[in-house]
């Protein structure tokens, strides 16, 4: 599953985990991702592997005044997230 997201300056995503592996790729802007206790600042062209089960978060995006576009490649989409609103069928 590939998802596209846009983070505005100041946007954040609370710490969470999921059983699926994830790769995040930065298309534009900068993105800070906290993977466990480590902070990673990604620029366009950078990617980060997030192992399944590892808590990760996106703190308030203060590094760039421009919105950032990101692609998230997830190894397996959870069946409970499937449905017409997501464009995914189970």
C-alpha atoms as a PDB file:
ATOM      1  CA  UNK A   1       0.000   0.000   0.000  1.00  0.00           C
ATOM      2  CA  UNK A   2       1.309   3.454  -0.889  1.00  0.00           C
ATOM      3  CA  UNK A   3      -0.112   6.530   0.831  1.00  0.00           C
ATOM      4  CA  UNK A   4       0.604  10.169   0.080  1.00  0.00           C
ATOM      5  CA  UNK A   5       0.456  12.775   2.831  1.00  0.00           C
ATOM      6  CA  UNK A   6       1.045  16.487   3.168  1.00  0.00           C
ATOM      7  CA  UNK A   7       2.181  18.030   6.458  1.00  0.00           C
ATOM      8  CA  UNK A   8       1.680  21.758   6.894  1.00  0.00           C
ATOM      9  CA  UNK A   9       4.151  23.707   9.036  1.00  0.00           C
ATOM     10  CA  UNK A  10       3.295  22.958  12.683  1.00  0.00           C
ATOM     11  CA  UNK A  11       1.448  19.698  11.873  1.00  0.00           C
ATOM     12  CA  UNK A  12       2.172  16.657  14.017  1.00  0.00           C
ATOM     13  CA  UNK A  13       1.314  12.982  14.327  1.00  0.00           C
ATOM     14  CA  UNK A  14       1.164  11.411  17.774  1.00  0.00           C
ATOM     15  CA  UNK A  15       3.368   8.447  18.671  1.00  0.00           C
ATOM     16  CA  UNK A  16       1.934   5.164  17.460  1.00  0.00           C
ATOM     17  CA  UNK A  17       2.978   1.754  16.196  1.00  0.00           C
ATOM     18  CA  UNK A  18       1.556  -0.853  13.866  1.00  0.00           C
ATOM     19  CA  UNK A  19       2.623  -4.390  13.042  1.00  0.00           C
ATOM     20  CA  UNK A  20       3.486  -3.514   9.459  1.00  0.00           C
ATOM     21  CA  UNK A  21       6.820  -2.310   8.109  1.00  0.00           C
ATOM     22  CA  UNK A  22       6.814   1.176   6.623  1.00  0.00           C
ATOM     23  CA  UNK A  23       9.121   3.205   4.428  1.00  0.00           C
ATOM     24  CA  UNK A  24       8.615   6.964   4.343  1.00  0.00           C
ATOM     25  CA  UNK A  25      10.000   8.917   1.393  1.00  0.00           C
ATOM     26  CA  UNK A  26      10.143  12.730   1.368  1.00  0.00           C
ATOM     27  CA  UNK A  27       9.068  14.249  -1.951  1.00  0.00           C
ATOM     28  CA  UNK A  28       9.260  17.896  -0.838  1.00  0.00           C
ATOM     29  CA  UNK A  29       9.801  19.929   2.330  1.00  0.00           C
ATOM     30  CA  UNK A  30      11.473  18.571   5.451  1.00  0.00           C
ATOM     31  CA  UNK A  31      10.086  16.001   7.852  1.00  0.00           C
ATOM     32  CA  UNK A  32      11.187  15.103  11.360  1.00  0.00           C
ATOM     33  CA  UNK A  33      10.342  11.570  12.413  1.00  0.00           C
ATOM     34  CA  UNK A  34      11.004  10.201  15.881  1.00  0.00           C
ATOM     35  CA  UNK A  35      11.717   6.504  15.711  1.00  0.00           C
ATOM     36  CA  UNK A  36      11.813   5.271  19.281  1.00  0.00           C
ATOM     37  CA  UNK A  37      14.145   7.737  21.042  1.00  0.00           C
ATOM     38  CA  UNK A  38      15.968   8.805  17.865  1.00  0.00           C
ATOM     39  CA  UNK A  39      15.080  11.918  15.845  1.00  0.00           C
ATOM     40  CA  UNK A  40      15.595  11.829  12.081  1.00  0.00           C
ATOM     41  CA  UNK A  41      15.291  14.940   9.921  1.00  0.00           C
ATOM     42  CA  UNK A  42      14.554  14.003   6.326  1.00  0.00           C
ATOM     43  CA  UNK A  43      14.944  16.221   3.257  1.00  0.00           C
ATOM     44  CA  UNK A  44      13.647  15.711  -0.295  1.00  0.00           C
ATOM     45  CA  UNK A  45      14.930  12.400  -1.651  1.00  0.00           C
ATOM     46  CA  UNK A  46      15.512  10.924   1.839  1.00  0.00           C
ATOM     47  CA  UNK A  47      13.723   7.842   3.105  1.00  0.00           C
ATOM     48  CA  UNK A  48      13.409   6.087   6.453  1.00  0.00           C
ATOM     49  CA  UNK A  49      12.563   2.474   7.248  1.00  0.00           C
ATOM     50  CA  UNK A  50      10.201   1.949  10.204  1.00  0.00           C
ATOM     51  CA  UNK A  51      10.148  -1.677  11.428  1.00  0.00           C
ATOM     52  CA  UNK A  52       6.804  -3.148  12.428  1.00  0.00           C
ATOM     53  CA  UNK A  53       5.948  -2.687  16.103  1.00  0.00           C
ATOM     54  CA  UNK A  54       8.297   0.290  16.623  1.00  0.00           C
ATOM     55  CA  UNK A  55       6.698   3.447  18.065  1.00  0.00           C
ATOM     56  CA  UNK A  56       7.180   6.461  15.837  1.00  0.00           C
ATOM     57  CA  UNK A  57       5.874  10.009  15.740  1.00  0.00           C
ATOM     58  CA  UNK A  58       6.042  13.175  13.723  1.00  0.00           C
ATOM     59  CA  UNK A  59       6.497  16.091  16.149  1.00  0.00           C
ATOM     60  CA  UNK A  60       5.354  19.591  15.214  1.00  0.00           C
ATOM     61  CA  UNK A  61       6.930  20.406  11.862  1.00  0.00           C
ATOM     62  CA  UNK A  62       8.904  23.563  12.573  1.00  0.00           C
ATOM     63  CA  UNK A  63      11.847  22.976  10.226  1.00  0.00           C
ATOM     64  CA  UNK A  64      10.159  24.252   7.088  1.00  0.00           C
ATOM     65  CA  UNK A  65       7.617  26.972   6.419  1.00  0.00           C
ATOM     66  CA  UNK A  66       6.523  25.084   3.287  1.00  0.00           C
ATOM     67  CA  UNK A  67       4.148  22.113   3.344  1.00  0.00           C
ATOM     68  CA  UNK A  68       5.922  18.800   2.834  1.00  0.00           C
ATOM     69  CA  UNK A  69       4.775  15.938   0.641  1.00  0.00           C
ATOM     70  CA  UNK A  70       5.613  12.384   1.673  1.00  0.00           C
ATOM     71  CA  UNK A  71       5.011   8.864   0.417  1.00  0.00           C
ATOM     72  CA  UNK A  72       4.477   6.053   2.906  1.00  0.00           C
ATOM     73  CA  UNK A  73       4.934   2.509   1.664  1.00  0.00           C
ATOM     74  CA  UNK A  74       3.317   0.065   4.093  1.00  0.00           C
ATOM     75  CA  UNK A  75       3.997  -3.653   3.782  1.00  0.00           C
ATOM     76  CA  UNK A  76       0.453  -4.770   4.564  1.00  0.00           C
ATOM     77  CA  UNK A  77      -2.634  -2.631   5.036  1.00  0.00           C
ATOM     78  CA  UNK A  78      -4.725  -3.579   8.098  1.00  0.00           C
ATOM     79  CA  UNK A  79      -8.019  -5.201   7.049  1.00  0.00           C
ATOM     80  CA  UNK A  80      -9.988  -3.066   9.525  1.00  0.00           C
ATOM     81  CA  UNK A  81      -8.896   0.088   7.629  1.00  0.00           C
ATOM     82  CA  UNK A  82     -10.210  -1.199   4.298  1.00  0.00           C
ATOM     83  CA  UNK A  83     -13.429   0.134   2.878  1.00  0.00           C
ATOM     84  CA  UNK A  84     -14.983   2.495   0.372  1.00  0.00           C
ATOM     85  CA  UNK A  85     -13.740   5.684   2.088  1.00  0.00           C
ATOM     86  CA  UNK A  86     -10.148   4.535   1.750  1.00  0.00           C
ATOM     87  CA  UNK A  87     -10.551   3.231  -1.778  1.00  0.00           C
ATOM     88  CA  UNK A  88      -9.439  -0.194  -0.557  1.00  0.00           C
ATOM     89  CA  UNK A  89     -11.582  -3.290  -0.534  1.00  0.00           C
ATOM     90  CA  UNK A  90     -10.997  -6.221   1.784  1.00  0.00           C
END
